[in-house]
Amino acid sequence: MAPSSCIEITPDERAQLLSIARQSIRHGLNTGQPLTVTADGWAGVPAEEYGNFVTLTQAGQLRGCVGCVEPTQPLAPSVAAHAFGAAFGDPRFPPLTDTEAEHTRIEISVLSSPEPVDAPTRESLAAALRPRKDGLLLADGTHRATFLPKVWEQLPDPEQFIAHLRSKAGLSAHGWSDTIRCFRYHTISFAEDNGLDAVAGTQA
């Protein structure tokens, strides 16, 4: 199924997805493998394919983030795989431990379909971006990277946002090329509360 540009996820569906992510991490701690989830095995979870990221934090600090912009499977199994990846496969961090897990907060970001941005110059891209709303994907040959809309909290200036994203992609921070392609998307993000069992959410 093709990804949709309109995201509709109810509070019950958000709670189910957070439960899947939490169970996948617990399953990983016990078995070393992600939780196996079928698209039709969870009542009330959207069957559509959406890009998504699972972000883990501890006391507000990043502890892992894994996801995809372009979906390859329905949302439930994708979230399960990305939760496992964020906990045990993010190369920036060591694998999550049992002791850490209970203090780790899960946030899920579900992405709309990426839309091309007509930006022949760096300046035109900066002018086209909507801070705190747009996620951005840059691709230039084999170089590719994305920032979720929440990154605007750390990089509120469009020029900084672009420079850091180019660096993340392995490109010169302040360069540009005629072959670069730019895509924007928005997200619905929701997370466990401080008690790690309830849902809060925002749409960007």
C-alpha atoms as a PDB file:
ATOM      1  CA  MET A   1       0.000   0.000   0.000  1.00  0.00           C
ATOM      2  CA  ALA A   2       1.346   3.421  -0.905  1.00  0.00           C
ATOM      3  CA  PRO A   3       2.057   5.840   1.927  1.00  0.00           C
ATOM      4  CA  SER A   4      -0.528   8.519   2.594  1.00  0.00           C
ATOM      5  CA  SER A   5       0.080  12.229   2.910  1.00  0.00           C
ATOM      6  CA  CYS A   6      -2.762  12.459   5.449  1.00  0.00           C
ATOM      7  CA  ILE A   7      -2.002  10.893   8.815  1.00  0.00           C
ATOM      8  CA  GLU A   8      -4.887   9.958  11.080  1.00  0.00           C
ATOM      9  CA  ILE A   9      -3.968   8.056  14.248  1.00  0.00           C
ATOM     10  CA  THR A  10      -6.411   7.945  17.149  1.00  0.00           C
ATOM     11  CA  PRO A  11      -5.390   8.050  20.826  1.00  0.00           C
ATOM     12  CA  ASP A  12      -6.135   4.317  21.138  1.00  0.00           C
ATOM     13  CA  GLU A  13      -3.964   3.555  18.108  1.00  0.00           C
ATOM     14  CA  ARG A  14      -1.137   5.651  19.543  1.00  0.00           C
ATOM     15  CA  ALA A  15      -1.341   3.747  22.824  1.00  0.00           C
ATOM     16  CA  GLN A  16      -1.223   0.447  20.929  1.00  0.00           C
ATOM     17  CA  LEU A  17       1.839   1.511  18.957  1.00  0.00           C
ATOM     18  CA  LEU A  18       3.646   2.617  22.121  1.00  0.00           C
ATOM     19  CA  SER A  19       2.781  -0.741  23.664  1.00  0.00           C
ATOM     20  CA  ILE A  20       4.240  -2.542  20.635  1.00  0.00           C
ATOM     21  CA  ALA A  21       7.444  -0.508  20.913  1.00  0.00           C
ATOM     22  CA  ARG A  22       7.768  -1.195  24.644  1.00  0.00           C
ATOM     23  CA  GLN A  23       7.095  -4.915  24.188  1.00  0.00           C
ATOM     24  CA  SER A  24       9.638  -5.135  21.377  1.00  0.00           C
ATOM     25  CA  ILE A  25      12.314  -3.658  23.629  1.00  0.00           C
ATOM     26  CA  ARG A  26      11.410  -6.025  26.472  1.00  0.00           C
ATOM     27  CA  HIS A  27      11.447  -8.937  24.017  1.00  0.00           C
ATOM     28  CA  GLY A  28      14.871  -7.795  22.835  1.00  0.00           C
ATOM     29  CA  LEU A  29      16.219  -7.717  26.380  1.00  0.00           C
ATOM     30  CA  ASN A  30      15.001 -11.285  26.918  1.00  0.00           C
ATOM     31  CA  THR A  31      15.806 -12.876  23.564  1.00  0.00           C
ATOM     32  CA  GLY A  32      18.110 -10.561  21.608  1.00  0.00           C
ATOM     33  CA  GLN A  33      15.487 -10.346  18.856  1.00  0.00           C
ATOM     34  CA  PRO A  34      12.744  -7.814  18.002  1.00  0.00           C
ATOM     35  CA  LEU A  35       9.133  -8.668  18.693  1.00  0.00           C
ATOM     36  CA  THR A  36       7.441 -10.385  15.739  1.00  0.00           C
ATOM     37  CA  VAL A  37       4.343  -8.409  14.806  1.00  0.00           C
ATOM     38  CA  THR A  38       1.955  -9.070  11.932  1.00  0.00           C
ATOM     39  CA  ALA A  39      -0.073  -6.269  10.386  1.00  0.00           C
ATOM     40  CA  ASP A  40      -3.356  -7.969  11.308  1.00  0.00           C
ATOM     41  CA  GLY A  41      -2.239  -9.246  14.703  1.00  0.00           C
ATOM     42  CA  TRP A  42      -3.017  -6.051  16.592  1.00  0.00           C
ATOM     43  CA  ALA A  43      -6.588  -4.804  16.636  1.00  0.00           C
ATOM     44  CA  GLY A  44      -6.906  -1.057  16.300  1.00  0.00           C
ATOM     45  CA  VAL A  45      -3.497  -0.416  14.712  1.00  0.00           C
ATOM     46  CA  PRO A  46      -3.409   1.250  11.277  1.00  0.00           C
ATOM     47  CA  ALA A  47      -2.603  -1.218   8.482  1.00  0.00           C
ATOM     48  CA  GLU A  48      -1.201   1.528   6.258  1.00  0.00           C
ATOM     49  CA  GLU A  49       2.483   1.916   5.523  1.00  0.00           C
ATOM     50  CA  TYR A  50       4.014   5.079   6.981  1.00  0.00           C
ATOM     51  CA  GLY A  51       7.585   6.159   7.466  1.00  0.00           C
ATOM     52  CA  ASN A  52       8.311   6.317  11.185  1.00  0.00           C
ATOM     53  CA  PHE A  53      11.038   6.822  13.762  1.00  0.00           C
ATOM     54  CA  VAL A  54      11.291   5.516  17.315  1.00  0.00           C
ATOM     55  CA  THR A  55      13.253   7.779  19.653  1.00  0.00           C
ATOM     56  CA  LEU A  56      14.443   6.811  23.130  1.00  0.00           C
ATOM     57  CA  THR A  57      15.344   9.375  25.781  1.00  0.00           C
ATOM     58  CA  GLN A  58      16.548   9.281  29.369  1.00  0.00           C
ATOM     59  CA  ALA A  59      15.992  12.388  31.490  1.00  0.00           C
ATOM     60  CA  GLY A  60      15.423  14.326  28.275  1.00  0.00           C
ATOM     61  CA  GLN A  61      18.684  13.146  26.670  1.00  0.00           C
ATOM     62  CA  LEU A  62      18.791  11.112  23.471  1.00  0.00           C
ATOM     63  CA  ARG A  63      19.467   7.394  24.043  1.00  0.00           C
ATOM     64  CA  GLY A  64      18.714   6.032  20.576  1.00  0.00           C
ATOM     65  CA  CYS A  65      16.774   6.783  17.406  1.00  0.00           C
ATOM     66  CA  VAL A  66      16.114   4.524  14.422  1.00  0.00           C
ATOM     67  CA  GLY A  67      13.566   4.750  11.625  1.00  0.00           C
ATOM     68  CA  CYS A  68      12.838   5.227   7.951  1.00  0.00           C
ATOM     69  CA  VAL A  69      11.403   8.025   5.825  1.00  0.00           C
ATOM     70  CA  GLU A  70      10.033   5.758   3.121  1.00  0.00           C
ATOM     71  CA  PRO A  71       8.047   2.784   4.467  1.00  0.00           C
ATOM     72  CA  THR A  72       8.605  -0.831   3.483  1.00  0.00           C
ATOM     73  CA  GLN A  73       6.030  -2.531   5.721  1.00  0.00           C
ATOM     74  CA  PRO A  74       2.856  -1.734   7.696  1.00  0.00           C
ATOM     75  CA  LEU A  75       3.147   0.519  10.729  1.00  0.00           C
ATOM     76  CA  ALA A  76       2.923  -2.043  13.561  1.00  0.00           C
ATOM     77  CA  PRO A  77       5.798  -4.337  12.488  1.00  0.00           C
ATOM     78  CA  SER A  78       7.817  -1.311  11.401  1.00  0.00           C
ATOM     79  CA  VAL A  79       7.523   0.293  14.853  1.00  0.00           C
ATOM     80  CA  ALA A  80       8.487  -2.997  16.500  1.00  0.00           C
ATOM     81  CA  ALA A  81      11.618  -3.236  14.357  1.00  0.00           C
ATOM     82  CA  HIS A  82      12.596   0.400  14.890  1.00  0.00           C
ATOM     83  CA  ALA A  83      12.065   0.216  18.662  1.00  0.00           C
ATOM     84  CA  PHE A  84      14.426  -2.760  18.789  1.00  0.00           C
ATOM     85  CA  GLY A  85      16.900  -0.930  16.565  1.00  0.00           C
ATOM     86  CA  ALA A  86      16.802   2.222  18.695  1.00  0.00           C
ATOM     87  CA  ALA A  87      17.432   0.195  21.856  1.00  0.00           C
ATOM     88  CA  PHE A  88      20.101  -2.172  20.585  1.00  0.00           C
ATOM     89  CA  GLY A  89      21.287  -1.100  17.150  1.00  0.00           C
ATOM     90  CA  ASP A  90      21.969   2.643  17.179  1.00  0.00           C
ATOM     91  CA  PRO A  91      25.776   2.793  16.663  1.00  0.00           C
ATOM     92  CA  ARG A  92      26.015   5.999  18.696  1.00  0.00           C
ATOM     93  CA  PHE A  93      25.080   4.177  21.904  1.00  0.00           C
ATOM     94  CA  PRO A  94      25.740   0.853  23.641  1.00  0.00           C
ATOM     95  CA  PRO A  95      22.855  -1.620  23.762  1.00  0.00           C
ATOM     96  CA  LEU A  96      20.147  -0.775  26.278  1.00  0.00           C
ATOM     97  CA  THR A  97      20.302  -2.685  29.556  1.00  0.00           C
ATOM     98  CA  ASP A  98      17.550  -4.017  31.820  1.00  0.00           C
ATOM     99  CA  THR A  99      18.348  -1.385  34.420  1.00  0.00           C
ATOM    100  CA  GLU A 100      18.091   1.433  31.891  1.00  0.00           C
ATOM    101  CA  ALA A 101      14.894   0.225  30.253  1.00  0.00           C
ATOM    102  CA  GLU A 102      12.589   1.228  33.082  1.00  0.00           C
ATOM    103  CA  HIS A 103      13.939   4.793  32.948  1.00  0.00           C
ATOM    104  CA  THR A 104      13.792   5.088  29.150  1.00  0.00           C
ATOM    105  CA  ARG A 105      10.987   7.028  27.486  1.00  0.00           C
ATOM    106  CA  ILE A 106       9.668   6.010  24.061  1.00  0.00           C
ATOM    107  CA  GLU A 107       8.522   8.510  21.443  1.00  0.00           C
ATOM    108  CA  ILE A 108       7.129   7.555  18.037  1.00  0.00           C
ATOM    109  CA  SER A 109       7.046   9.909  15.052  1.00  0.00           C
ATOM    110  CA  VAL A 110       4.852   8.921  12.109  1.00  0.00           C
ATOM    111  CA  LEU A 111       5.727  10.646   8.850  1.00  0.00           C
ATOM    112  CA  SER A 112       3.638  11.926   5.977  1.00  0.00           C
ATOM    113  CA  SER A 113       4.741  11.132   2.430  1.00  0.00           C
ATOM    114  CA  PRO A 114       7.851  13.144   1.517  1.00  0.00           C
ATOM    115  CA  GLU A 115       7.154  15.954  -0.955  1.00  0.00           C
ATOM    116  CA  PRO A 116       9.833  17.442  -3.241  1.00  0.00           C
ATOM    117  CA  VAL A 117      10.967  20.973  -2.442  1.00  0.00           C
ATOM    118  CA  ASP A 118      11.832  23.108  -5.465  1.00  0.00           C
ATOM    119  CA  ALA A 119      15.088  24.581  -4.184  1.00  0.00           C
ATOM    120  CA  PRO A 120      17.708  25.241  -6.866  1.00  0.00           C
ATOM    121  CA  THR A 121      19.854  27.135  -4.354  1.00  0.00           C
ATOM    122  CA  ARG A 122      20.705  26.829  -0.685  1.00  0.00           C
ATOM    123  CA  GLU A 123      19.078  30.227  -0.063  1.00  0.00           C
ATOM    124  CA  SER A 124      15.827  29.161  -1.705  1.00  0.00           C
ATOM    125  CA  LEU A 125      15.704  26.019   0.437  1.00  0.00           C
ATOM    126  CA  ALA A 126      16.219  28.044   3.616  1.00  0.00           C
ATOM    127  CA  ALA A 127      13.428  30.401   2.563  1.00  0.00           C
ATOM    128  CA  ALA A 128      11.052  27.517   1.763  1.00  0.00           C
ATOM    129  CA  LEU A 129      11.460  25.665   5.043  1.00  0.00           C
ATOM    130  CA  ARG A 130       8.885  26.047   7.805  1.00  0.00           C
ATOM    131  CA  PRO A 131      10.769  25.921  11.141  1.00  0.00           C
ATOM    132  CA  ARG A 132       9.316  23.515  13.717  1.00  0.00           C
ATOM    133  CA  LYS A 133       6.946  22.071  11.086  1.00  0.00           C
ATOM    134  CA  ASP A 134       9.034  20.569   8.295  1.00  0.00           C
ATOM    135  CA  GLY A 135      11.132  17.458   8.492  1.00  0.00           C
ATOM    136  CA  LEU A 136      13.762  17.517   5.777  1.00  0.00           C
ATOM    137  CA  LEU A 137      15.401  14.790   3.712  1.00  0.00           C
ATOM    138  CA  LEU A 138      18.484  15.634   1.646  1.00  0.00           C
ATOM    139  CA  ALA A 139      19.855  13.265  -0.989  1.00  0.00           C
ATOM    140  CA  ASP A 140      22.874  13.798  -3.225  1.00  0.00           C
ATOM    141  CA  GLY A 141      24.248  10.724  -4.939  1.00  0.00           C
ATOM    142  CA  THR A 142      25.031   8.177  -2.245  1.00  0.00           C
ATOM    143  CA  HIS A 143      24.764  10.829   0.483  1.00  0.00           C
ATOM    144  CA  ARG A 144      21.459  10.909   2.316  1.00  0.00           C
ATOM    145  CA  ALA A 145      20.220  12.135   5.701  1.00  0.00           C
ATOM    146  CA  THR A 146      17.110  13.450   7.393  1.00  0.00           C
ATOM    147  CA  PHE A 147      16.138  15.594  10.364  1.00  0.00           C
ATOM    148  CA  LEU A 148      12.762  15.217  12.064  1.00  0.00           C
ATOM    149  CA  PRO A 149      10.837  18.418  12.834  1.00  0.00           C
ATOM    150  CA  LYS A 150      11.823  18.146  16.518  1.00  0.00           C
ATOM    151  CA  VAL A 151      15.440  18.942  15.550  1.00  0.00           C
ATOM    152  CA  TRP A 152      14.300  22.561  15.084  1.00  0.00           C
ATOM    153  CA  GLU A 153      14.283  22.751  18.888  1.00  0.00           C
ATOM    154  CA  GLN A 154      18.097  22.522  18.829  1.00  0.00           C
ATOM    155  CA  LEU A 155      18.647  24.229  15.447  1.00  0.00           C
ATOM    156  CA  PRO A 156      15.982  26.933  15.047  1.00  0.00           C
ATOM    157  CA  ASP A 157      17.771  28.817  12.251  1.00  0.00           C
ATOM    158  CA  PRO A 158      17.151  27.360   8.741  1.00  0.00           C
ATOM    159  CA  GLU A 159      20.757  27.897   7.680  1.00  0.00           C
ATOM    160  CA  GLN A 160      22.016  26.009  10.746  1.00  0.00           C
ATOM    161  CA  PHE A 161      19.436  23.302  10.170  1.00  0.00           C
ATOM    162  CA  ILE A 162      20.626  22.789   6.585  1.00  0.00           C
ATOM    163  CA  ALA A 163      24.321  22.942   7.488  1.00  0.00           C
ATOM    164  CA  HIS A 164      24.041  20.310  10.203  1.00  0.00           C
ATOM    165  CA  LEU A 165      21.909  18.071   8.002  1.00  0.00           C
ATOM    166  CA  ARG A 166      24.463  18.280   5.201  1.00  0.00           C
ATOM    167  CA  SER A 167      27.181  17.322   7.680  1.00  0.00           C
ATOM    168  CA  LYS A 168      25.083  14.383   8.859  1.00  0.00           C
ATOM    169  CA  ALA A 169      24.834  13.252   5.228  1.00  0.00           C
ATOM    170  CA  GLY A 170      28.612  13.392   4.864  1.00  0.00           C
ATOM    171  CA  LEU A 171      28.554  16.540   2.744  1.00  0.00           C
ATOM    172  CA  SER A 172      30.273  19.881   3.197  1.00  0.00           C
ATOM    173  CA  ALA A 173      28.244  21.855   5.725  1.00  0.00           C
ATOM    174  CA  HIS A 174      28.231  25.045   3.674  1.00  0.00           C
ATOM    175  CA  GLY A 175      28.324  23.722   0.122  1.00  0.00           C
ATOM    176  CA  TRP A 176      25.673  23.074  -2.512  1.00  0.00           C
ATOM    177  CA  SER A 177      25.338  21.166  -5.786  1.00  0.00           C
ATOM    178  CA  ASP A 178      23.044  20.966  -8.791  1.00  0.00           C
ATOM    179  CA  THR A 179      22.322  17.315  -8.102  1.00  0.00           C
ATOM    180  CA  ILE A 180      20.983  17.647  -4.564  1.00  0.00           C
ATOM    181  CA  ARG A 181      17.356  16.649  -4.010  1.00  0.00           C
ATOM    182  CA  CYS A 182      15.261  17.955  -1.115  1.00  0.00           C
ATOM    183  CA  PHE A 183      12.052  16.535   0.335  1.00  0.00           C
ATOM    184  CA  ARG A 184       9.915  17.756   3.218  1.00  0.00           C
ATOM    185  CA  TYR A 185       7.408  15.936   5.379  1.00  0.00           C
ATOM    186  CA  HIS A 186       5.479  16.504   8.574  1.00  0.00           C
ATOM    187  CA  THR A 187       5.001  14.207  11.547  1.00  0.00           C
ATOM    188  CA  ILE A 188       2.585  13.163  14.224  1.00  0.00           C
ATOM    189  CA  SER A 189       4.632  12.494  17.357  1.00  0.00           C
ATOM    190  CA  PHE A 190       3.439  10.855  20.555  1.00  0.00           C
ATOM    191  CA  ALA A 191       5.225   9.514  23.598  1.00  0.00           C
ATOM    192  CA  GLU A 192       4.940   7.814  26.930  1.00  0.00           C
ATOM    193  CA  ASP A 193       4.483  10.233  29.799  1.00  0.00           C
ATOM    194  CA  ASN A 194       6.821  10.287  32.790  1.00  0.00           C
ATOM    195  CA  GLY A 195       5.040   7.232  34.125  1.00  0.00           C
ATOM    196  CA  LEU A 196       5.911   5.419  30.882  1.00  0.00           C
ATOM    197  CA  ASP A 197       2.360   4.233  30.348  1.00  0.00           C
ATOM    198  CA  ALA A 198       0.239   7.042  28.938  1.00  0.00           C
ATOM    199  CA  VAL A 199       0.150   8.961  25.689  1.00  0.00           C
ATOM    200  CA  ALA A 200       0.926  12.554  24.844  1.00  0.00           C
ATOM    201  CA  GLY A 201       1.044  13.786  21.284  1.00  0.00           C
ATOM    202  CA  THR A 202       1.728  16.632  18.911  1.00  0.00           C
ATOM    203  CA  GLN A 203       1.358  17.144  15.202  1.00  0.00           C
ATOM    204  CA  ALA A 204       3.916  19.067  13.148  1.00  0.00           C
END
